């Protein structure tokens, strides 16, 4: 029986960049199993619109945290941590390499660092802060946070009102700076070395890939998928927060024709990809690779990098497993 591995590889990048293909390639080469890190692919029956890799294209590699919950269920970062941390440890115990694959940056950050124990959202506090900010000169929220929580203020841009409000809300309700609460977090992957690999495709190339992907989704029956989901569950389900699903629903209601739908979904997906890159660029310790995950030279470069940084013991286990 093989000894437990101590490493986790995470493949990140914008939607449409070939993360799934790269993740399968890494798992295939290094005796791994894929663990989804996607807030929407956890839902059953959302297949085409979430670009879920069909079982027939997974090349025999085990995939986890896909098709976990009903489209009617809420699924949070805390839910993801509970399931993913268990799955990662089970894979590691088998002596295989866990390969996290997905574009939900919040899930990955929470899995690496943990979630801090903070108060819930308060409409009253937020409304009061926003009212105060409206009466004062620009930058008020940032200046206020600098007095109450300098560490958080230093890392949050003065124009990022959403995060500023959250940090102030935490400080007001708990009496403790959010930065202090975050320092008390415990990583669900404590004891593991998490190696992050990022895909950084050319912007124009990524836009073209996204347009082709949207075309392929529509050809495969994206509209039919949404129609069947609506017939089964109605319109108001958490899973319909996914990009494209609400747009297809409006198309079914006659709000736009298919050409307009194609343009709207492609534009929304491209904007989402930009937000993902902004998020991941702000994360530490990611080794970036130009290109897309389905390009052979990218897989070759990534594998070369991983073999140079994986602990010798883990590599020894992988080679032993795959040796003839």
Protein backbone atom coordinates (compact mmCIF):
# COMPACT_ATOMS: atom_id res chain seq x y z
CA UNK A 1 0.00 0.00 0.00
CA UNK A 2 1.33 3.39 -0.96
CA UNK A 3 2.13 6.04 1.63
CA UNK A 4 0.14 9.24 1.84
CA UNK A 5 1.25 12.07 -0.44
CA UNK A 6 1.67 15.57 1.01
CA UNK A 7 1.18 17.74 -2.07
CA UNK A 8 -1.77 19.33 -3.83
CA UNK A 9 -1.63 20.93 -7.28
CA UNK A 10 -4.15 23.66 -8.15
CA UNK A 11 -4.75 24.65 -11.80
CA UNK A 12 -6.29 28.13 -12.06
CA UNK A 13 -7.03 30.69 -14.73
CA UNK A 14 -9.90 32.35 -16.59
CA UNK A 15 -12.86 30.52 -18.01
CA UNK A 16 -12.18 29.13 -21.47
CA UNK A 17 -8.41 28.84 -20.94
CA UNK A 18 -8.30 25.04 -20.93
CA UNK A 19 -7.98 24.39 -17.19
CA UNK A 20 -9.92 21.14 -17.40
CA UNK A 21 -7.72 19.75 -20.17
CA UNK A 22 -4.55 20.73 -18.32
CA UNK A 23 -5.83 19.26 -15.06
CA UNK A 24 -6.54 15.94 -16.74
CA UNK A 25 -3.10 15.99 -18.36
CA UNK A 26 -1.37 16.65 -15.03
CA UNK A 27 -3.40 13.96 -13.26
CA UNK A 28 -2.68 11.47 -16.04
CA UNK A 29 1.07 12.13 -15.96
CA UNK A 30 1.50 12.30 -12.18
CA UNK A 31 -0.93 9.65 -10.96
CA UNK A 32 -3.51 12.15 -9.82
CA UNK A 33 -7.23 12.60 -9.36
CA UNK A 34 -9.11 15.77 -10.29
CA UNK A 35 -11.02 17.74 -7.66
CA UNK A 36 -13.39 20.37 -9.01
CA UNK A 37 -13.05 23.92 -7.70
CA UNK A 38 -16.04 25.42 -9.47
CA UNK A 39 -19.11 26.93 -7.81
CA UNK A 40 -21.40 25.82 -10.64
CA UNK A 41 -20.08 22.47 -11.79
CA UNK A 42 -21.04 21.10 -8.36
CA UNK A 43 -24.65 21.21 -9.57
CA UNK A 44 -26.23 18.20 -11.20
CA UNK A 45 -27.95 18.74 -14.55
CA UNK A 46 -25.97 21.91 -15.31
CA UNK A 47 -23.70 20.32 -17.87
CA UNK A 48 -23.57 22.24 -21.13
CA UNK A 49 -23.74 25.77 -19.75
CA UNK A 50 -21.00 25.12 -17.19
CA UNK A 51 -18.71 23.43 -19.76
CA UNK A 52 -18.45 20.34 -17.59
CA UNK A 53 -16.04 17.77 -19.06
CA UNK A 54 -18.16 14.78 -20.15
CA UNK A 55 -17.19 11.43 -18.58
CA UNK A 56 -16.20 10.15 -22.02
CA UNK A 57 -13.48 12.83 -22.24
CA UNK A 58 -11.96 12.35 -18.77
CA UNK A 59 -9.52 9.66 -20.00
CA UNK A 60 -10.25 7.41 -17.05
CA UNK A 61 -9.12 10.01 -14.51
CA UNK A 62 -11.27 10.12 -11.38
CA UNK A 63 -13.16 13.40 -10.96
CA UNK A 64 -14.60 14.64 -7.68
CA UNK A 65 -16.96 17.45 -6.63
CA UNK A 66 -18.87 17.49 -9.88
CA UNK A 67 -22.63 16.79 -9.85
CA UNK A 68 -22.76 16.99 -6.06
CA UNK A 69 -25.99 18.89 -5.37
CA UNK A 70 -29.42 19.55 -6.84
CA UNK A 71 -29.94 22.78 -8.83
CA UNK A 72 -32.42 23.85 -6.14
CA UNK A 73 -29.85 23.76 -3.32
CA UNK A 74 -27.71 26.62 -2.02
CA UNK A 75 -24.00 25.77 -1.97
CA UNK A 76 -21.55 27.97 -0.08
CA UNK A 77 -17.80 28.30 0.30
CA UNK A 78 -18.16 26.63 3.70
CA UNK A 79 -19.93 23.69 2.05
CA UNK A 80 -17.14 23.45 -0.49
CA UNK A 81 -14.40 23.48 2.16
CA UNK A 82 -16.06 20.68 4.10
CA UNK A 83 -16.35 18.43 1.06
CA UNK A 84 -13.12 19.34 -0.71
CA UNK A 85 -10.85 19.01 2.31
CA UNK A 86 -12.23 15.52 2.96
CA UNK A 87 -11.81 14.47 -0.67
CA UNK A 88 -8.26 15.83 -0.88
CA UNK A 89 -7.20 13.88 2.20
CA UNK A 90 -8.82 10.70 0.91
CA UNK A 91 -6.97 11.01 -2.40
CA UNK A 92 -3.69 11.72 -0.59
CA UNK A 93 -4.19 8.71 1.67
CA UNK A 94 -4.41 6.55 -1.44
CA UNK A 95 -1.01 7.90 -2.46
CA UNK A 96 -2.42 9.82 -5.42
CA UNK A 97 -1.90 13.50 -6.24
CA UNK A 98 -4.97 15.72 -5.68
CA UNK A 99 -5.31 18.13 -8.62
CA UNK A 100 -7.68 21.03 -7.94
CA UNK A 101 -9.14 22.44 -11.13
CA UNK A 102 -11.47 25.41 -11.46
CA UNK A 103 -11.98 29.13 -11.69
CA UNK A 104 -13.79 29.92 -8.44
CA UNK A 105 -11.08 31.88 -6.70
CA UNK A 106 -13.02 32.29 -3.45
CA UNK A 107 -13.28 28.51 -3.04
CA UNK A 108 -9.56 28.03 -3.60
CA UNK A 109 -8.60 30.82 -1.22
CA UNK A 110 -10.96 29.47 1.45
CA UNK A 111 -9.55 25.97 1.01
CA UNK A 112 -5.97 27.21 1.30
CA UNK A 113 -6.44 29.73 4.11
CA UNK A 114 -9.75 28.92 5.75
CA UNK A 115 -12.78 31.13 6.36
CA UNK A 116 -12.64 33.65 9.14
CA UNK A 117 -15.22 33.60 11.92
CA UNK A 118 -16.92 36.94 11.32
CA UNK A 119 -20.40 38.39 11.80
CA UNK A 120 -23.04 38.15 9.10
CA UNK A 121 -24.05 40.97 6.81
CA UNK A 122 -26.00 43.89 8.28
CA UNK A 123 -28.19 46.01 6.03
CA UNK A 124 -28.55 48.59 8.80
CA UNK A 125 -24.78 49.06 9.21
CA UNK A 126 -24.16 49.13 5.47
CA UNK A 127 -26.92 51.65 4.80
CA UNK A 128 -25.58 53.93 7.51
CA UNK A 129 -22.03 53.74 6.17
CA UNK A 130 -23.17 54.42 2.61
CA UNK A 131 -25.24 57.39 3.79
CA UNK A 132 -22.22 58.81 5.61
CA UNK A 133 -20.00 58.28 2.57
CA UNK A 134 -22.48 60.08 0.32
CA UNK A 135 -22.20 63.24 2.45
CA UNK A 136 -18.41 63.30 2.56
CA UNK A 137 -15.62 63.71 0.05
CA UNK A 138 -14.38 60.67 -1.94
CA UNK A 139 -12.28 58.16 -0.03
CA UNK A 140 -14.26 58.44 3.22
CA UNK A 141 -14.72 54.68 3.65
CA UNK A 142 -11.02 54.03 3.09
CA UNK A 143 -10.02 56.76 5.55
CA UNK A 144 -12.41 55.42 8.17
CA UNK A 145 -11.07 51.90 7.73
CA UNK A 146 -7.49 53.21 8.03
CA UNK A 147 -8.31 54.38 11.55
CA UNK A 148 -10.09 51.21 12.63
CA UNK A 149 -8.24 48.50 10.68
CA UNK A 150 -5.03 49.79 9.03
CA UNK A 151 -3.99 46.33 7.78
CA UNK A 152 -7.23 45.80 5.87
CA UNK A 153 -7.18 49.37 4.56
CA UNK A 154 -3.68 48.84 3.18
CA UNK A 155 -4.75 45.90 1.03
CA UNK A 156 -8.18 47.16 -0.13
CA UNK A 157 -8.28 49.79 -2.88
CA UNK A 158 -10.09 52.98 -1.88
CA UNK A 159 -12.54 52.51 -4.77
CA UNK A 160 -13.42 48.92 -3.82
CA UNK A 161 -16.55 49.89 -1.87
CA UNK A 162 -17.83 46.32 -1.55
CA UNK A 163 -14.78 45.08 0.34
CA UNK A 164 -14.41 48.33 2.30
CA UNK A 165 -17.99 48.06 3.50
CA UNK A 166 -17.50 44.45 4.53
CA UNK A 167 -14.34 45.25 6.50
CA UNK A 168 -16.04 48.16 8.28
CA UNK A 169 -19.14 46.07 8.92
CA UNK A 170 -17.04 43.37 10.58
CA UNK A 171 -15.16 45.91 12.71
CA UNK A 172 -18.36 47.66 13.85
CA UNK A 173 -20.29 44.48 14.68
CA UNK A 174 -17.50 42.41 16.23
CA UNK A 175 -15.34 45.14 17.75
CA UNK A 176 -12.33 43.36 16.23
CA UNK A 177 -10.51 44.31 13.00
CA UNK A 178 -11.22 41.92 10.15
CA UNK A 179 -7.46 41.56 9.59
CA UNK A 180 -7.12 40.19 13.14
CA UNK A 181 -9.96 37.73 12.62
CA UNK A 182 -8.40 36.56 9.37
CA UNK A 183 -5.09 35.85 11.11
CA UNK A 184 -6.90 33.37 13.35
CA UNK A 185 -7.98 31.24 10.40
CA UNK A 186 -6.77 27.66 10.13
CA UNK A 187 -6.11 26.19 6.72
CA UNK A 188 -8.28 23.15 5.91
CA UNK A 189 -5.23 21.85 4.02
CA UNK A 190 -2.81 22.23 6.92
CA UNK A 191 0.11 19.88 6.42
CA UNK A 192 -0.10 19.96 2.61
CA UNK A 193 2.11 21.80 0.16
CA UNK A 194 -0.24 23.55 -2.29
CA UNK A 195 1.41 24.20 -5.66
CA UNK A 196 -0.45 26.70 -7.83
CA UNK A 197 -0.25 26.72 -11.61
CA UNK A 198 -1.94 29.52 -13.55
CA UNK A 199 -2.89 29.82 -17.21
CA UNK A 200 -2.43 33.25 -18.77
CA UNK A 201 -3.65 33.19 -22.38
CA UNK A 202 -3.43 36.08 -24.80
CA UNK A 203 -6.53 38.27 -24.37
CA UNK A 204 -7.59 38.22 -28.02
CA UNK A 205 -7.03 34.48 -28.26
CA UNK A 206 -9.09 33.93 -25.11
CA UNK A 207 -11.94 36.06 -26.49
CA UNK A 208 -11.98 33.95 -29.65
CA UNK A 209 -11.97 30.74 -27.60
CA UNK A 210 -14.88 32.00 -25.53
CA UNK A 211 -16.88 32.84 -28.65
CA UNK A 212 -16.22 29.36 -30.06
CA UNK A 213 -17.18 27.81 -26.73
CA UNK A 214 -20.49 29.66 -26.66
CA UNK A 215 -21.19 28.50 -30.23
CA UNK A 216 -20.41 24.92 -29.20
CA UNK A 217 -22.68 25.17 -26.15
CA UNK A 218 -25.58 26.32 -28.29
CA UNK A 219 -24.90 23.57 -30.83
CA UNK A 220 -24.85 20.94 -28.07
CA UNK A 221 -28.25 22.02 -26.80
CA UNK A 222 -27.75 24.72 -24.16
CA UNK A 223 -31.21 26.15 -24.85
CA UNK A 224 -32.77 22.71 -24.47
CA UNK A 225 -30.90 22.18 -21.19
CA UNK A 226 -32.29 25.40 -19.73
CA UNK A 227 -35.81 24.68 -20.99
CA UNK A 228 -35.79 21.28 -19.31
CA UNK A 229 -34.44 22.75 -16.07
CA UNK A 230 -37.16 25.42 -16.08
CA UNK A 231 -39.84 22.82 -16.72
CA UNK A 232 -38.53 20.71 -13.84
CA UNK A 233 -37.66 23.36 -11.24
CA UNK A 234 -39.04 26.71 -12.36
CA UNK A 235 -37.08 29.95 -12.80
CA UNK A 236 -36.06 30.80 -9.25
CA UNK A 237 -33.31 28.30 -8.45
CA UNK A 238 -29.80 29.09 -7.10
CA UNK A 239 -28.10 27.34 -9.99
CA UNK A 240 -29.56 29.85 -12.45
CA UNK A 241 -27.08 32.42 -11.13
CA UNK A 242 -24.62 30.81 -13.52
CA UNK A 243 -23.50 32.90 -16.48
CA UNK A 244 -25.70 32.25 -19.47
CA UNK A 245 -28.56 30.43 -17.76
CA UNK A 246 -30.53 33.57 -17.00
CA UNK A 247 -29.85 34.87 -20.51
CA UNK A 248 -31.11 31.66 -22.10
CA UNK A 249 -34.16 31.85 -19.88
CA UNK A 250 -34.89 35.35 -21.19
CA UNK A 251 -34.35 34.07 -24.73
CA UNK A 252 -36.97 31.38 -24.08
CA UNK A 253 -39.34 34.15 -22.94
CA UNK A 254 -38.83 35.95 -26.25
CA UNK A 255 -36.61 38.76 -25.00
CA UNK A 256 -33.88 38.11 -27.61
CA UNK A 257 -33.21 35.93 -30.62
CA UNK A 258 -30.44 33.34 -30.77
CA UNK A 259 -27.89 35.66 -32.39
CA UNK A 260 -28.42 38.24 -29.65
CA UNK A 261 -28.21 35.46 -27.06
CA UNK A 262 -24.88 34.33 -28.47
CA UNK A 263 -23.46 37.85 -28.24
CA UNK A 264 -24.79 38.46 -24.72
CA UNK A 265 -23.44 35.20 -23.31
CA UNK A 266 -20.05 35.64 -24.99
CA UNK A 267 -19.74 39.19 -23.65
CA UNK A 268 -20.74 38.17 -20.10
CA UNK A 269 -18.30 35.27 -20.17
CA UNK A 270 -15.46 37.48 -21.40
CA UNK A 271 -16.15 39.99 -18.62
CA UNK A 272 -16.18 37.18 -16.08
CA UNK A 273 -12.84 35.92 -17.40
CA UNK A 274 -11.37 39.40 -16.83
CA UNK A 275 -12.64 39.43 -13.24
CA UNK A 276 -11.13 35.99 -12.66
CA UNK A 277 -7.72 37.14 -13.87
CA UNK A 278 -7.91 40.20 -11.62
CA UNK A 279 -8.65 37.92 -8.67
CA UNK A 280 -5.94 35.38 -9.42
CA UNK A 281 -3.35 38.07 -10.10
CA UNK A 282 -3.92 39.16 -6.53
CA UNK A 283 -3.18 35.69 -5.16
CA UNK A 284 0.28 34.74 -4.00
CA UNK A 285 2.60 31.97 -5.18
CA UNK A 286 0.99 31.24 -8.55
CA UNK A 287 3.42 30.12 -11.26
CA UNK A 288 2.03 31.55 -14.50
CA UNK A 289 2.25 29.93 -17.92
CA UNK A 290 1.38 31.77 -21.14
CA UNK A 291 -1.05 29.95 -23.41
CA UNK A 292 -3.96 27.58 -22.91
CA UNK A 293 -4.16 24.26 -21.15
CA UNK A 294 -4.96 22.20 -24.23
CA UNK A 295 -1.75 23.25 -25.98
CA UNK A 296 0.86 20.45 -25.81
CA UNK A 297 3.76 22.78 -25.04
CA UNK A 298 1.89 24.23 -22.06
CA UNK A 299 1.34 20.77 -20.56
CA UNK A 300 4.99 19.96 -21.17
CA UNK A 301 6.16 23.16 -19.43
CA UNK A 302 3.78 22.68 -16.52
CA UNK A 303 4.87 19.10 -15.95
CA UNK A 304 8.52 20.14 -16.07
CA UNK A 305 7.82 22.78 -13.44
CA UNK A 306 5.83 20.45 -11.22
CA UNK A 307 8.52 17.78 -11.30
CA UNK A 308 11.03 20.41 -10.19
CA UNK A 309 9.00 21.53 -7.16
CA UNK A 310 7.17 18.42 -5.98
CA UNK A 311 8.84 16.85 -2.95
CA UNK A 312 11.06 13.91 -3.85
CA UNK A 313 8.99 11.53 -1.78
CA UNK A 314 5.82 12.38 -3.66
CA UNK A 315 7.52 12.02 -7.02
CA UNK A 316 8.93 8.68 -5.96
CA UNK A 317 5.43 7.46 -5.11
CA UNK A 318 4.05 8.65 -8.45
CA UNK A 319 6.83 7.07 -10.45
CA UNK A 320 6.41 3.83 -8.54
CA UNK A 321 2.73 3.75 -9.34
CA UNK A 322 3.14 4.45 -13.05
CA UNK A 323 6.26 2.36 -13.66
CA UNK A 324 5.75 -0.70 -15.92
